[in-house]
Amino acid sequence: MATRTVVNLGELERAIMDVIWDATAPLAATDLREQLKASAPGGKEPAITTVMTVLSRLEAKGFVVRDRDARPHLYSATMTREDHVAELMHEVLGSASDRDAVLARFVGQVTPHEAERLRRLLDA
């Protein structure tokens, strides 16, 4: 995977990415809007222009790709949710002046179950 600057997502960007990540197929902006309405507090539906603007920003940031041949255009993620979270974790760790201290603090806060999973992953 190419190295790139990890970008934090805004609230609506994250909500849209969550819908896209949970989808089993690429989605049109109108489908995204409907799903956002269903999950929003009070069922508040964002304007389609807002959804389209956020999708354009997510495309520029490299989070989604748009199928321009489809009508309406369909959007899909360029990476999994897990890839994004792992990139965020790696960037945060990379910005630490004392990586050992950060790792020690992190490991000290995981549950016994998570620690066992980490041990298995490190041994693999």
PDB file of N, CA and C in Angstrom:
ATOM      1  N   MET A   1       0.852  -1.180   0.000  1.00  0.00           N
ATOM      2  CA  MET A   1       0.000   0.000   0.000  1.00  0.00           C
ATOM      3  C   MET A   1       0.889   1.231   0.000  1.00  0.00           C
ATOM      4  N   ALA A   2       0.509   2.210  -0.743  1.00  0.00           N
ATOM      5  CA  ALA A   2       1.286   3.447  -0.834  1.00  0.00           C
ATOM      6  C   ALA A   2       1.208   4.209   0.472  1.00  0.00           C
ATOM      7  N   THR A   3       2.305   4.868   0.826  1.00  0.00           N
ATOM      8  CA  THR A   3       2.320   5.683   2.026  1.00  0.00           C
ATOM      9  C   THR A   3       1.587   6.987   1.741  1.00  0.00           C
ATOM     10  N   ARG A   4       0.742   7.393   2.671  1.00  0.00           N
ATOM     11  CA  ARG A   4       0.023   8.645   2.512  1.00  0.00           C
ATOM     12  C   ARG A   4      -0.248   9.216   3.880  1.00  0.00           C
ATOM     13  N   THR A   5      -0.555  10.471   3.901  1.00  0.00           N
ATOM     14  CA  THR A   5      -0.880  11.104   5.160  1.00  0.00           C
ATOM     15  C   THR A   5      -2.256  10.624   5.597  1.00  0.00           C
ATOM     16  N   VAL A   6      -2.345  10.195   6.834  1.00  0.00           N
ATOM     17  CA  VAL A   6      -3.613   9.725   7.360  1.00  0.00           C
ATOM     18  C   VAL A   6      -4.470  10.936   7.694  1.00  0.00           C
ATOM     19  N   VAL A   7      -5.719  10.866   7.304  1.00  0.00           N
ATOM     20  CA  VAL A   7      -6.635  11.980   7.488  1.00  0.00           C
ATOM     21  C   VAL A   7      -7.721  11.574   8.472  1.00  0.00           C
ATOM     22  N   ASN A   8      -7.950  12.424   9.451  1.00  0.00           N
ATOM     23  CA  ASN A   8      -9.078  12.207  10.338  1.00  0.00           C
ATOM     24  C   ASN A   8     -10.341  12.618   9.607  1.00  0.00           C
ATOM     25  N   LEU A   9     -11.405  11.942   9.913  1.00  0.00           N
ATOM     26  CA  LEU A   9     -12.681  12.222   9.269  1.00  0.00           C
ATOM     27  C   LEU A   9     -13.551  13.095  10.151  1.00  0.00           C
ATOM     28  N   GLY A  10     -14.283  14.024   9.506  1.00  0.00           N
ATOM     29  CA  GLY A  10     -15.281  14.813  10.219  1.00  0.00           C
ATOM     30  C   GLY A  10     -16.492  13.940  10.541  1.00  0.00           C
ATOM     31  N   GLU A  11     -17.414  14.484  11.296  1.00  0.00           N
ATOM     32  CA  GLU A  11     -18.582  13.707  11.754  1.00  0.00           C
ATOM     33  C   GLU A  11     -19.408  13.150  10.591  1.00  0.00           C
ATOM     34  N   LEU A  12     -19.761  13.986   9.632  1.00  0.00           N
ATOM     35  CA  LEU A  12     -20.565  13.522   8.507  1.00  0.00           C
ATOM     36  C   LEU A  12     -19.740  12.625   7.581  1.00  0.00           C
ATOM     37  N   GLU A  13     -18.459  12.943   7.412  1.00  0.00           N
ATOM     38  CA  GLU A  13     -17.593  12.077   6.612  1.00  0.00           C
ATOM     39  C   GLU A  13     -17.546  10.680   7.221  1.00  0.00           C
ATOM     40  N   ARG A  14     -17.403  10.633   8.515  1.00  0.00           N
ATOM     41  CA  ARG A  14     -17.339   9.334   9.216  1.00  0.00           C
ATOM     42  C   ARG A  14     -18.660   8.587   9.076  1.00  0.00           C
ATOM     43  N   ALA A  15     -19.777   9.287   9.220  1.00  0.00           N
ATOM     44  CA  ALA A  15     -21.086   8.645   9.087  1.00  0.00           C
ATOM     45  C   ALA A  15     -21.257   8.062   7.684  1.00  0.00           C
ATOM     46  N   ILE A  16     -20.843   8.813   6.676  1.00  0.00           N
ATOM     47  CA  ILE A  16     -20.943   8.333   5.291  1.00  0.00           C
ATOM     48  C   ILE A  16     -20.014   7.143   5.083  1.00  0.00           C
ATOM     49  N   MET A  17     -18.793   7.232   5.586  1.00  0.00           N
ATOM     50  CA  MET A  17     -17.873   6.108   5.437  1.00  0.00           C
ATOM     51  C   MET A  17     -18.391   4.876   6.166  1.00  0.00           C
ATOM     52  N   ASP A  18     -19.011   5.037   7.320  1.00  0.00           N
ATOM     53  CA  ASP A  18     -19.567   3.887   8.029  1.00  0.00           C
ATOM     54  C   ASP A  18     -20.628   3.190   7.180  1.00  0.00           C
ATOM     55  N   VAL A  19     -21.474   3.970   6.512  1.00  0.00           N
ATOM     56  CA  VAL A  19     -22.493   3.392   5.635  1.00  0.00           C
ATOM     57  C   VAL A  19     -21.827   2.661   4.476  1.00  0.00           C
ATOM     58  N   ILE A  20     -20.837   3.297   3.864  1.00  0.00           N
ATOM     59  CA  ILE A  20     -20.145   2.673   2.729  1.00  0.00           C
ATOM     60  C   ILE A  20     -19.418   1.408   3.175  1.00  0.00           C
ATOM     61  N   TRP A  21     -18.726   1.466   4.315  1.00  0.00           N
ATOM     62  CA  TRP A  21     -18.009   0.291   4.815  1.00  0.00           C
ATOM     63  C   TRP A  21     -18.954  -0.852   5.145  1.00  0.00           C
ATOM     64  N   ASP A  22     -20.153  -0.539   5.607  1.00  0.00           N
ATOM     65  CA  ASP A  22     -21.118  -1.579   5.960  1.00  0.00           C
ATOM     66  C   ASP A  22     -21.867  -2.135   4.752  1.00  0.00           C
ATOM     67  N   ALA A  23     -21.790  -1.444   3.626  1.00  0.00           N
ATOM     68  CA  ALA A  23     -22.536  -1.847   2.428  1.00  0.00           C
ATOM     69  C   ALA A  23     -21.904  -3.088   1.795  1.00  0.00           C
ATOM     70  N   THR A  24     -22.746  -3.857   1.121  1.00  0.00           N
ATOM     71  CA  THR A  24     -22.261  -5.039   0.420  1.00  0.00           C
ATOM     72  C   THR A  24     -22.003  -4.758  -1.060  1.00  0.00           C
ATOM     73  N   ALA A  25     -22.348  -3.554  -1.504  1.00  0.00           N
ATOM     74  CA  ALA A  25     -22.154  -3.164  -2.900  1.00  0.00           C
ATOM     75  C   ALA A  25     -21.975  -1.646  -2.948  1.00  0.00           C
ATOM     76  N   PRO A  26     -21.422  -1.124  -4.045  1.00  0.00           N
ATOM     77  CA  PRO A  26     -21.305   0.338  -4.180  1.00  0.00           C
ATOM     78  C   PRO A  26     -22.668   1.017  -4.054  1.00  0.00           C
ATOM     79  N   LEU A  27     -22.655   2.259  -3.560  1.00  0.00           N
ATOM     80  CA  LEU A  27     -23.893   2.988  -3.299  1.00  0.00           C
ATOM     81  C   LEU A  27     -23.950   4.303  -4.060  1.00  0.00           C
ATOM     82  N   ALA A  28     -25.164   4.675  -4.443  1.00  0.00           N
ATOM     83  CA  ALA A  28     -25.423   5.993  -5.025  1.00  0.00           C
ATOM     84  C   ALA A  28     -25.597   6.991  -3.881  1.00  0.00           C
ATOM     85  N   ALA A  29     -25.404   8.261  -4.170  1.00  0.00           N
ATOM     86  CA  ALA A  29     -25.555   9.302  -3.154  1.00  0.00           C
ATOM     87  C   ALA A  29     -26.950   9.280  -2.538  1.00  0.00           C
ATOM     88  N   THR A  30     -27.970   9.013  -3.341  1.00  0.00           N
ATOM     89  CA  THR A  30     -29.338   8.980  -2.804  1.00  0.00           C
ATOM     90  C   THR A  30     -29.516   7.825  -1.826  1.00  0.00           C
ATOM     91  N   ASP A  31     -28.878   6.683  -2.098  1.00  0.00           N
ATOM     92  CA  ASP A  31     -28.944   5.554  -1.169  1.00  0.00           C
ATOM     93  C   ASP A  31     -28.257   5.905   0.149  1.00  0.00           C
ATOM     94  N   LEU A  32     -27.111   6.564   0.031  1.00  0.00           N
ATOM     95  CA  LEU A  32     -26.390   7.001   1.231  1.00  0.00           C
ATOM     96  C   LEU A  32     -27.251   7.943   2.058  1.00  0.00           C
ATOM     97  N   ARG A  33     -27.884   8.871   1.389  1.00  0.00           N
ATOM     98  CA  ARG A  33     -28.735   9.851   2.071  1.00  0.00           C
ATOM     99  C   ARG A  33     -29.851   9.153   2.842  1.00  0.00           C
ATOM    100  N   GLU A  34     -30.482   8.176   2.219  1.00  0.00           N
ATOM    101  CA  GLU A  34     -31.561   7.428   2.878  1.00  0.00           C
ATOM    102  C   GLU A  34     -31.047   6.674   4.105  1.00  0.00           C
ATOM    103  N   GLN A  35     -29.897   6.049   3.972  1.00  0.00           N
ATOM    104  CA  GLN A  35     -29.345   5.292   5.103  1.00  0.00           C
ATOM    105  C   GLN A  35     -28.888   6.214   6.221  1.00  0.00           C
ATOM    106  N   LEU A  36     -28.397   7.392   5.861  1.00  0.00           N
ATOM    107  CA  LEU A  36     -28.027   8.365   6.890  1.00  0.00           C
ATOM    108  C   LEU A  36     -29.256   8.831   7.642  1.00  0.00           C
ATOM    109  N   LYS A  37     -30.340   9.010   6.933  1.00  0.00           N
ATOM    110  CA  LYS A  37     -31.594   9.439   7.563  1.00  0.00           C
ATOM    111  C   LYS A  37     -32.053   8.388   8.571  1.00  0.00           C
ATOM    112  N   ALA A  38     -31.959   7.127   8.192  1.00  0.00           N
ATOM    113  CA  ALA A  38     -32.406   6.042   9.063  1.00  0.00           C
ATOM    114  C   ALA A  38     -31.593   5.956  10.346  1.00  0.00           C
ATOM    115  N   SER A  39     -30.304   6.331  10.284  1.00  0.00           N
ATOM    116  CA  SER A  39     -29.452   6.217  11.463  1.00  0.00           C
ATOM    117  C   SER A  39     -29.287   7.522  12.231  1.00  0.00           C
ATOM    118  N   ALA A  40     -29.799   8.623  11.683  1.00  0.00           N
ATOM    119  CA  ALA A  40     -29.626   9.926  12.331  1.00  0.00           C
ATOM    120  C   ALA A  40     -30.605  10.095  13.484  1.00  0.00           C
ATOM    121  N   PRO A  41     -30.164  10.780  14.535  1.00  0.00           N
ATOM    122  CA  PRO A  41     -31.081  11.062  15.636  1.00  0.00           C
ATOM    123  C   PRO A  41     -32.250  11.902  15.129  1.00  0.00           C
ATOM    124  N   GLY A  42     -33.459  11.458  15.410  1.00  0.00           N
ATOM    125  CA  GLY A  42     -34.637  12.193  14.975  1.00  0.00           C
ATOM    126  C   GLY A  42     -34.931  12.013  13.500  1.00  0.00           C
ATOM    127  N   GLY A  43     -34.182  11.137  12.815  1.00  0.00           N
ATOM    128  CA  GLY A  43     -34.414  10.879  11.407  1.00  0.00           C
ATOM    129  C   GLY A  43     -34.141  12.062  10.508  1.00  0.00           C
ATOM    130  N   LYS A  44     -33.282  12.982  10.948  1.00  0.00           N
ATOM    131  CA  LYS A  44     -32.970  14.160  10.135  1.00  0.00           C
ATOM    132  C   LYS A  44     -32.155  13.744   8.921  1.00  0.00           C
ATOM    133  N   GLU A  45     -32.630  14.120   7.773  1.00  0.00           N
ATOM    134  CA  GLU A  45     -32.011  13.729   6.512  1.00  0.00           C
ATOM    135  C   GLU A  45     -31.140  14.859   5.982  1.00  0.00           C
ATOM    136  N   PRO A  46     -29.863  14.573   5.698  1.00  0.00           N
ATOM    137  CA  PRO A  46     -29.028  15.629   5.122  1.00  0.00           C
ATOM    138  C   PRO A  46     -29.457  15.920   3.682  1.00  0.00           C
ATOM    139  N   ALA A  47     -29.235  17.124   3.243  1.00  0.00           N
ATOM    140  CA  ALA A  47     -29.557  17.494   1.865  1.00  0.00           C
ATOM    141  C   ALA A  47     -28.686  16.687   0.912  1.00  0.00           C
ATOM    142  N   ILE A  48     -29.226  16.349  -0.245  1.00  0.00           N
ATOM    143  CA  ILE A  48     -28.464  15.576  -1.227  1.00  0.00           C
ATOM    144  C   ILE A  48     -27.216  16.337  -1.664  1.00  0.00           C
ATOM    145  N   THR A  49     -27.299  17.652  -1.724  1.00  0.00           N
ATOM    146  CA  THR A  49     -26.124  18.440  -2.106  1.00  0.00           C
ATOM    147  C   THR A  49     -25.022  18.321  -1.055  1.00  0.00           C
ATOM    148  N   THR A  50     -25.411  18.231   0.194  1.00  0.00           N
ATOM    149  CA  THR A  50     -24.441  18.046   1.276  1.00  0.00           C
ATOM    150  C   THR A  50     -23.762  16.691   1.140  1.00  0.00           C
ATOM    151  N   VAL A  51     -24.547  15.660   0.896  1.00  0.00           N
ATOM    152  CA  VAL A  51     -23.992  14.311   0.726  1.00  0.00           C
ATOM    153  C   VAL A  51     -23.034  14.287  -0.460  1.00  0.00           C
ATOM    154  N   MET A  52     -23.424  14.912  -1.562  1.00  0.00           N
ATOM    155  CA  MET A  52     -22.576  14.938  -2.751  1.00  0.00           C
ATOM    156  C   MET A  52     -21.270  15.698  -2.487  1.00  0.00           C
ATOM    157  N   THR A  53     -21.358  16.803  -1.759  1.00  0.00           N
ATOM    158  CA  THR A  53     -20.155  17.575  -1.414  1.00  0.00           C
ATOM    159  C   THR A  53     -19.214  16.738  -0.560  1.00  0.00           C
ATOM    160  N   VAL A  54     -19.759  16.056   0.432  1.00  0.00           N
ATOM    161  CA  VAL A  54     -18.922  15.233   1.306  1.00  0.00           C
ATOM    162  C   VAL A  54     -18.318  14.073   0.517  1.00  0.00           C
ATOM    163  N   LEU A  55     -19.081  13.476  -0.387  1.00  0.00           N
ATOM    164  CA  LEU A  55     -18.537  12.405  -1.215  1.00  0.00           C
ATOM    165  C   LEU A  55     -17.390  12.912  -2.085  1.00  0.00           C
ATOM    166  N   SER A  56     -17.528  14.117  -2.623  1.00  0.00           N
ATOM    167  CA  SER A  56     -16.443  14.706  -3.422  1.00  0.00           C
ATOM    168  C   SER A  56     -15.190  14.903  -2.574  1.00  0.00           C
ATOM    169  N   ARG A  57     -15.384  15.355  -1.351  1.00  0.00           N
ATOM    170  CA  ARG A  57     -14.239  15.543  -0.450  1.00  0.00           C
ATOM    171  C   ARG A  57     -13.590  14.205  -0.097  1.00  0.00           C
ATOM    172  N   LEU A  58     -14.431  13.194   0.154  1.00  0.00           N
ATOM    173  CA  LEU A  58     -13.896  11.869   0.472  1.00  0.00           C
ATOM    174  C   LEU A  58     -13.150  11.277  -0.723  1.00  0.00           C
ATOM    175  N   GLU A  59     -13.638  11.571  -1.919  1.00  0.00           N
ATOM    176  CA  GLU A  59     -12.939  11.113  -3.127  1.00  0.00           C
ATOM    177  C   GLU A  59     -11.587  11.819  -3.245  1.00  0.00           C
ATOM    178  N   ALA A  60     -11.554  13.111  -2.995  1.00  0.00           N
ATOM    179  CA  ALA A  60     -10.303  13.873  -3.068  1.00  0.00           C
ATOM    180  C   ALA A  60      -9.303  13.400  -2.006  1.00  0.00           C
ATOM    181  N   LYS A  61      -9.800  12.974  -0.859  1.00  0.00           N
ATOM    182  CA  LYS A  61      -8.937  12.480   0.219  1.00  0.00           C
ATOM    183  C   LYS A  61      -8.513  11.027  -0.003  1.00  0.00           C
ATOM    184  N   GLY A  62      -9.084  10.376  -1.010  1.00  0.00           N
ATOM    185  CA  GLY A  62      -8.707   9.000  -1.316  1.00  0.00           C
ATOM    186  C   GLY A  62      -9.471   7.936  -0.559  1.00  0.00           C
ATOM    187  N   PHE A  63     -10.576   8.294   0.062  1.00  0.00           N
ATOM    188  CA  PHE A  63     -11.361   7.318   0.821  1.00  0.00           C
ATOM    189  C   PHE A  63     -12.358   6.555  -0.044  1.00  0.00           C
ATOM    190  N   VAL A  64     -12.876   7.193  -1.092  1.00  0.00           N
ATOM    191  CA  VAL A  64     -13.853   6.544  -1.963  1.00  0.00           C
ATOM    192  C   VAL A  64     -13.438   6.709  -3.417  1.00  0.00           C
ATOM    193  N   VAL A  65     -13.951   5.806  -4.222  1.00  0.00           N
ATOM    194  CA  VAL A  65     -13.839   5.939  -5.672  1.00  0.00           C
ATOM    195  C   VAL A  65     -15.252   6.020  -6.215  1.00  0.00           C
ATOM    196  N   ARG A  66     -15.368   6.758  -7.316  1.00  0.00           N
ATOM    197  CA  ARG A  66     -16.677   6.947  -7.941  1.00  0.00           C
ATOM    198  C   ARG A  66     -16.680   6.239  -9.289  1.00  0.00           C
ATOM    199  N   ASP A  67     -17.698   5.429  -9.515  1.00  0.00           N
ATOM    200  CA  ASP A  67     -17.878   4.786 -10.816  1.00  0.00           C
ATOM    201  C   ASP A  67     -18.650   5.767 -11.689  1.00  0.00           C
ATOM    202  N   ARG A  68     -17.935   6.451 -12.552  1.00  0.00           N
ATOM    203  CA  ARG A  68     -18.535   7.482 -13.399  1.00  0.00           C
ATOM    204  C   ARG A  68     -19.330   6.893 -14.557  1.00  0.00           C
ATOM    205  N   ASP A  69     -19.131   5.618 -14.852  1.00  0.00           N
ATOM    206  CA  ASP A  69     -19.881   4.983 -15.931  1.00  0.00           C
ATOM    207  C   ASP A  69     -21.295   4.610 -15.487  1.00  0.00           C
ATOM    208  N   ALA A  70     -21.486   4.432 -14.214  1.00  0.00           N
ATOM    209  CA  ALA A  70     -22.809   4.069 -13.695  1.00  0.00           C
ATOM    210  C   ALA A  70     -23.678   5.317 -13.591  1.00  0.00           C
ATOM    211  N   ARG A  71     -24.966   5.158 -13.783  1.00  0.00           N
ATOM    212  CA  ARG A  71     -25.931   6.244 -13.600  1.00  0.00           C
ATOM    213  C   ARG A  71     -27.008   5.771 -12.650  1.00  0.00           C
ATOM    214  N   PRO A  72     -27.160   6.362 -11.505  1.00  0.00           N
ATOM    215  CA  PRO A  72     -26.322   7.431 -10.968  1.00  0.00           C
ATOM    216  C   PRO A  72     -24.938   6.887 -10.602  1.00  0.00           C
ATOM    217  N   HIS A  73     -23.983   7.802 -10.391  1.00  0.00           N
ATOM    218  CA  HIS A  73     -22.634   7.395  -9.998  1.00  0.00           C
ATOM    219  C   HIS A  73     -22.709   6.570  -8.719  1.00  0.00           C
ATOM    220  N   LEU A  74     -21.845   5.572  -8.652  1.00  0.00           N
ATOM    221  CA  LEU A  74     -21.788   4.703  -7.474  1.00  0.00           C
ATOM    222  C   LEU A  74     -20.467   4.903  -6.753  1.00  0.00           C
ATOM    223  N   TYR A  75     -20.518   4.865  -5.442  1.00  0.00           N
ATOM    224  CA  TYR A  75     -19.345   5.113  -4.611  1.00  0.00           C
ATOM    225  C   TYR A  75     -19.001   3.866  -3.808  1.00  0.00           C
ATOM    226  N   SER A  76     -17.705   3.579  -3.716  1.00  0.00           N
ATOM    227  CA  SER A  76     -17.237   2.472  -2.890  1.00  0.00           C
ATOM    228  C   SER A  76     -15.946   2.889  -2.194  1.00  0.00           C
ATOM    229  N   ALA A  77     -15.644   2.209  -1.119  1.00  0.00           N
ATOM    230  CA  ALA A  77     -14.461   2.525  -0.310  1.00  0.00           C
ATOM    231  C   ALA A  77     -13.193   2.050  -1.001  1.00  0.00           C
ATOM    232  N   THR A  78     -12.114   2.795  -0.810  1.00  0.00           N
ATOM    233  CA  THR A  78     -10.811   2.401  -1.347  1.00  0.00           C
ATOM    234  C   THR A  78     -10.037   1.543  -0.359  1.00  0.00           C
ATOM    235  N   MET A  79     -10.491   1.503   0.883  1.00  0.00           N
ATOM    236  CA  MET A  79      -9.843   0.718   1.927  1.00  0.00           C
ATOM    237  C   MET A  79     -10.912   0.252   2.905  1.00  0.00           C
ATOM    238  N   THR A  80     -10.596  -0.750   3.678  1.00  0.00           N
ATOM    239  CA  THR A  80     -11.537  -1.215   4.691  1.00  0.00           C
ATOM    240  C   THR A  80     -11.483  -0.309   5.914  1.00  0.00           C
ATOM    241  N   ARG A  81     -12.478  -0.427   6.735  1.00  0.00           N
ATOM    242  CA  ARG A  81     -12.501   0.310   8.008  1.00  0.00           C
ATOM    243  C   ARG A  81     -11.269  -0.073   8.829  1.00  0.00           C
ATOM    244  N   GLU A  82     -10.935  -1.363   8.821  1.00  0.00           N
ATOM    245  CA  GLU A  82      -9.790  -1.847   9.596  1.00  0.00           C
ATOM    246  C   GLU A  82      -8.479  -1.261   9.077  1.00  0.00           C
ATOM    247  N   ASP A  83      -8.352  -1.145   7.747  1.00  0.00           N
ATOM    248  CA  ASP A  83      -7.155  -0.515   7.178  1.00  0.00           C
ATOM    249  C   ASP A  83      -7.024   0.928   7.663  1.00  0.00           C
ATOM    250  N   HIS A  84      -8.136   1.654   7.652  1.00  0.00           N
ATOM    251  CA  HIS A  84      -8.113   3.052   8.073  1.00  0.00           C
ATOM    252  C   HIS A  84      -7.723   3.183   9.540  1.00  0.00           C
ATOM    253  N   VAL A  85      -8.322   2.362  10.388  1.00  0.00           N
ATOM    254  CA  VAL A  85      -8.015   2.441  11.818  1.00  0.00           C
ATOM    255  C   VAL A  85      -6.552   2.065  12.067  1.00  0.00           C
ATOM    256  N   ALA A  86      -6.065   1.049  11.367  1.00  0.00           N
ATOM    257  CA  ALA A  86      -4.659   0.657  11.523  1.00  0.00           C
ATOM    258  C   ALA A  86      -3.727   1.787  11.085  1.00  0.00           C
ATOM    259  N   GLU A  87      -4.076   2.487   9.998  1.00  0.00           N
ATOM    260  CA  GLU A  87      -3.270   3.631   9.563  1.00  0.00           C
ATOM    261  C   GLU A  87      -3.277   4.738  10.610  1.00  0.00           C
ATOM    262  N   LEU A  88      -4.437   4.997  11.209  1.00  0.00           N
ATOM    263  CA  LEU A  88      -4.509   6.010  12.264  1.00  0.00           C
ATOM    264  C   LEU A  88      -3.620   5.629  13.444  1.00  0.00           C
ATOM    265  N   MET A  89      -3.700   4.366  13.848  1.00  0.00           N
ATOM    266  CA  MET A  89      -2.888   3.899  14.970  1.00  0.00           C
ATOM    267  C   MET A  89      -1.401   4.019  14.650  1.00  0.00           C
ATOM    268  N   HIS A  90      -1.023   3.644  13.445  1.00  0.00           N
ATOM    269  CA  HIS A  90       0.387   3.716  13.044  1.00  0.00           C
ATOM    270  C   HIS A  90       0.874   5.164  13.013  1.00  0.00           C
ATOM    271  N   GLU A  91       0.039   6.058  12.509  1.00  0.00           N
ATOM    272  CA  GLU A  91       0.443   7.468  12.458  1.00  0.00           C
ATOM    273  C   GLU A  91       0.599   8.050  13.863  1.00  0.00           C
ATOM    274  N   VAL A  92      -0.317   7.728  14.754  1.00  0.00           N
ATOM    275  CA  VAL A  92      -0.222   8.226  16.120  1.00  0.00           C
ATOM    276  C   VAL A  92       1.039   7.680  16.781  1.00  0.00           C
ATOM    277  N   LEU A  93       1.298   6.408  16.600  1.00  0.00           N
ATOM    278  CA  LEU A  93       2.500   5.812  17.177  1.00  0.00           C
ATOM    279  C   LEU A  93       3.757   6.450  16.583  1.00  0.00           C
ATOM    280  N   GLY A  94       3.723   6.709  15.296  1.00  0.00           N
ATOM    281  CA  GLY A  94       4.872   7.322  14.633  1.00  0.00           C
ATOM    282  C   GLY A  94       5.139   8.745  15.079  1.00  0.00           C
ATOM    283  N   SER A  95       4.130   9.423  15.584  1.00  0.00           N
ATOM    284  CA  SER A  95       4.305  10.806  16.024  1.00  0.00           C
ATOM    285  C   SER A  95       4.795  10.906  17.467  1.00  0.00           C
ATOM    286  N   ALA A  96       4.872   9.771  18.156  1.00  0.00           N
ATOM    287  CA  ALA A  96       5.287   9.778  19.560  1.00  0.00           C
ATOM    288  C   ALA A  96       6.802   9.928  19.673  1.00  0.00           C
ATOM    289  N   SER A  97       7.229  10.717  20.638  1.00  0.00           N
ATOM    290  CA  SER A  97       8.670  10.863  20.851  1.00  0.00           C
ATOM    291  C   SER A  97       9.256   9.630  21.540  1.00  0.00           C
ATOM    292  N   ASP A  98       8.425   8.900  22.286  1.00  0.00           N
ATOM    293  CA  ASP A  98       8.870   7.691  22.974  1.00  0.00           C
ATOM    294  C   ASP A  98       7.893   6.560  22.641  1.00  0.00           C
ATOM    295  N   ARG A  99       8.175   5.870  21.552  1.00  0.00           N
ATOM    296  CA  ARG A  99       7.284   4.803  21.082  1.00  0.00           C
ATOM    297  C   ARG A  99       7.130   3.699  22.119  1.00  0.00           C
ATOM    298  N   ASP A 100       8.229   3.362  22.815  1.00  0.00           N
ATOM    299  CA  ASP A 100       8.150   2.305  23.821  1.00  0.00           C
ATOM    300  C   ASP A 100       7.164   2.669  24.923  1.00  0.00           C
ATOM    301  N   ALA A 101       7.192   3.917  25.355  1.00  0.00           N
ATOM    302  CA  ALA A 101       6.271   4.350  26.411  1.00  0.00           C
ATOM    303  C   ALA A 101       4.825   4.285  25.930  1.00  0.00           C
ATOM    304  N   VAL A 102       4.604   4.688  24.694  1.00  0.00           N
ATOM    305  CA  VAL A 102       3.243   4.649  24.141  1.00  0.00           C
ATOM    306  C   VAL A 102       2.764   3.204  24.038  1.00  0.00           C
ATOM    307  N   LEU A 103       3.624   2.335  23.513  1.00  0.00           N
ATOM    308  CA  LEU A 103       3.242   0.924  23.401  1.00  0.00           C
ATOM    309  C   LEU A 103       2.992   0.306  24.777  1.00  0.00           C
ATOM    310  N   ALA A 104       3.833   0.650  25.749  1.00  0.00           N
ATOM    311  CA  ALA A 104       3.652   0.120  27.102  1.00  0.00           C
ATOM    312  C   ALA A 104       2.323   0.595  27.693  1.00  0.00           C
ATOM    313  N   ARG A 105       1.992   1.858  27.494  1.00  0.00           N
ATOM    314  CA  ARG A 105       0.722   2.388  28.003  1.00  0.00           C
ATOM    315  C   ARG A 105      -0.448   1.687  27.322  1.00  0.00           C
ATOM    316  N   PHE A 106      -0.344   1.508  26.002  1.00  0.00           N
ATOM    317  CA  PHE A 106      -1.411   0.842  25.252  1.00  0.00           C
ATOM    318  C   PHE A 106      -1.607  -0.591  25.753  1.00  0.00           C
ATOM    319  N   VAL A 107      -0.514  -1.338  25.824  1.00  0.00           N
ATOM    320  CA  VAL A 107      -0.597  -2.733  26.250  1.00  0.00           C
ATOM    321  C   VAL A 107      -1.113  -2.831  27.685  1.00  0.00           C
ATOM    322  N   GLY A 108      -0.760  -1.865  28.512  1.00  0.00           N
ATOM    323  CA  GLY A 108      -1.231  -1.865  29.893  1.00  0.00           C
ATOM    324  C   GLY A 108      -2.726  -1.604  30.020  1.00  0.00           C
ATOM    325  N   GLN A 109      -3.350  -1.111  28.971  1.00  0.00           N
ATOM    326  CA  GLN A 109      -4.776  -0.790  29.033  1.00  0.00           C
ATOM    327  C   GLN A 109      -5.662  -1.800  28.312  1.00  0.00           C
ATOM    328  N   VAL A 110      -5.065  -2.797  27.651  1.00  0.00           N
ATOM    329  CA  VAL A 110      -5.893  -3.775  26.950  1.00  0.00           C
ATOM    330  C   VAL A 110      -6.428  -4.805  27.939  1.00  0.00           C
ATOM    331  N   THR A 111      -7.537  -5.405  27.567  1.00  0.00           N
ATOM    332  CA  THR A 111      -8.127  -6.449  28.407  1.00  0.00           C
ATOM    333  C   THR A 111      -7.297  -7.721  28.273  1.00  0.00           C
ATOM    334  N   PRO A 112      -7.437  -8.655  29.196  1.00  0.00           N
ATOM    335  CA  PRO A 112      -6.709  -9.921  29.072  1.00  0.00           C
ATOM    336  C   PRO A 112      -7.022 -10.645  27.745  1.00  0.00           C
ATOM    337  N   HIS A 113      -8.253 -10.576  27.324  1.00  0.00           N
ATOM    338  CA  HIS A 113      -8.644 -11.198  26.054  1.00  0.00           C
ATOM    339  C   HIS A 113      -7.921 -10.527  24.879  1.00  0.00           C
ATOM    340  N   GLU A 114      -7.871  -9.197  24.880  1.00  0.00           N
ATOM    341  CA  GLU A 114      -7.166  -8.475  23.816  1.00  0.00           C
ATOM    342  C   GLU A 114      -5.671  -8.772  23.851  1.00  0.00           C
ATOM    343  N   ALA A 115      -5.109  -8.896  25.057  1.00  0.00           N
ATOM    344  CA  ALA A 115      -3.682  -9.205  25.189  1.00  0.00           C
ATOM    345  C   ALA A 115      -3.381 -10.573  24.590  1.00  0.00           C
ATOM    346  N   GLU A 116      -4.253 -11.528  24.834  1.00  0.00           N
ATOM    347  CA  GLU A 116      -4.057 -12.861  24.262  1.00  0.00           C
ATOM    348  C   GLU A 116      -4.149 -12.827  22.738  1.00  0.00           C
ATOM    349  N   ARG A 117      -5.075 -12.054  22.229  1.00  0.00           N
ATOM    350  CA  ARG A 117      -5.196 -11.913  20.775  1.00  0.00           C
ATOM    351  C   ARG A 117      -3.944 -11.268  20.192  1.00  0.00           C
ATOM    352  N   LEU A 118      -3.414 -10.240  20.873  1.00  0.00           N
ATOM    353  CA  LEU A 118      -2.165  -9.611  20.414  1.00  0.00           C
ATOM    354  C   LEU A 118      -1.010 -10.612  20.413  1.00  0.00           C
ATOM    355  N   ARG A 119      -0.921 -11.445  21.459  1.00  0.00           N
ATOM    356  CA  ARG A 119       0.137 -12.445  21.520  1.00  0.00           C
ATOM    357  C   ARG A 119       0.044 -13.410  20.341  1.00  0.00           C
ATOM    358  N   ARG A 120      -1.177 -13.855  20.042  1.00  0.00           N
ATOM    359  CA  ARG A 120      -1.371 -14.773  18.919  1.00  0.00           C
ATOM    360  C   ARG A 120      -0.989 -14.116  17.596  1.00  0.00           C
ATOM    361  N   LEU A 121      -1.385 -12.861  17.423  1.00  0.00           N
ATOM    362  CA  LEU A 121      -1.055 -12.141  16.182  1.00  0.00           C
ATOM    363  C   LEU A 121       0.452 -11.932  16.044  1.00  0.00           C
ATOM    364  N   LEU A 122       1.111 -11.597  17.138  1.00  0.00           N
ATOM    365  CA  LEU A 122       2.568 -11.399  17.089  1.00  0.00           C
ATOM    366  C   LEU A 122       3.315 -12.691  16.835  1.00  0.00           C
ATOM    367  N   ASP A 123       2.785 -13.814  17.314  1.00  0.00           N
ATOM    368  CA  ASP A 123       3.423 -15.118  17.102  1.00  0.00           C
ATOM    369  C   ASP A 123       3.192 -15.642  15.690  1.00  0.00           C
ATOM    370  N   ALA A 124       2.178 -15.128  15.025  1.00  0.00           N
ATOM    371  CA  ALA A 124       1.841 -15.655  13.675  1.00  0.00           C
ATOM    372  C   ALA A 124       2.817 -15.181  12.628  1.00  0.00           C
TER     373      ALA A 124
END
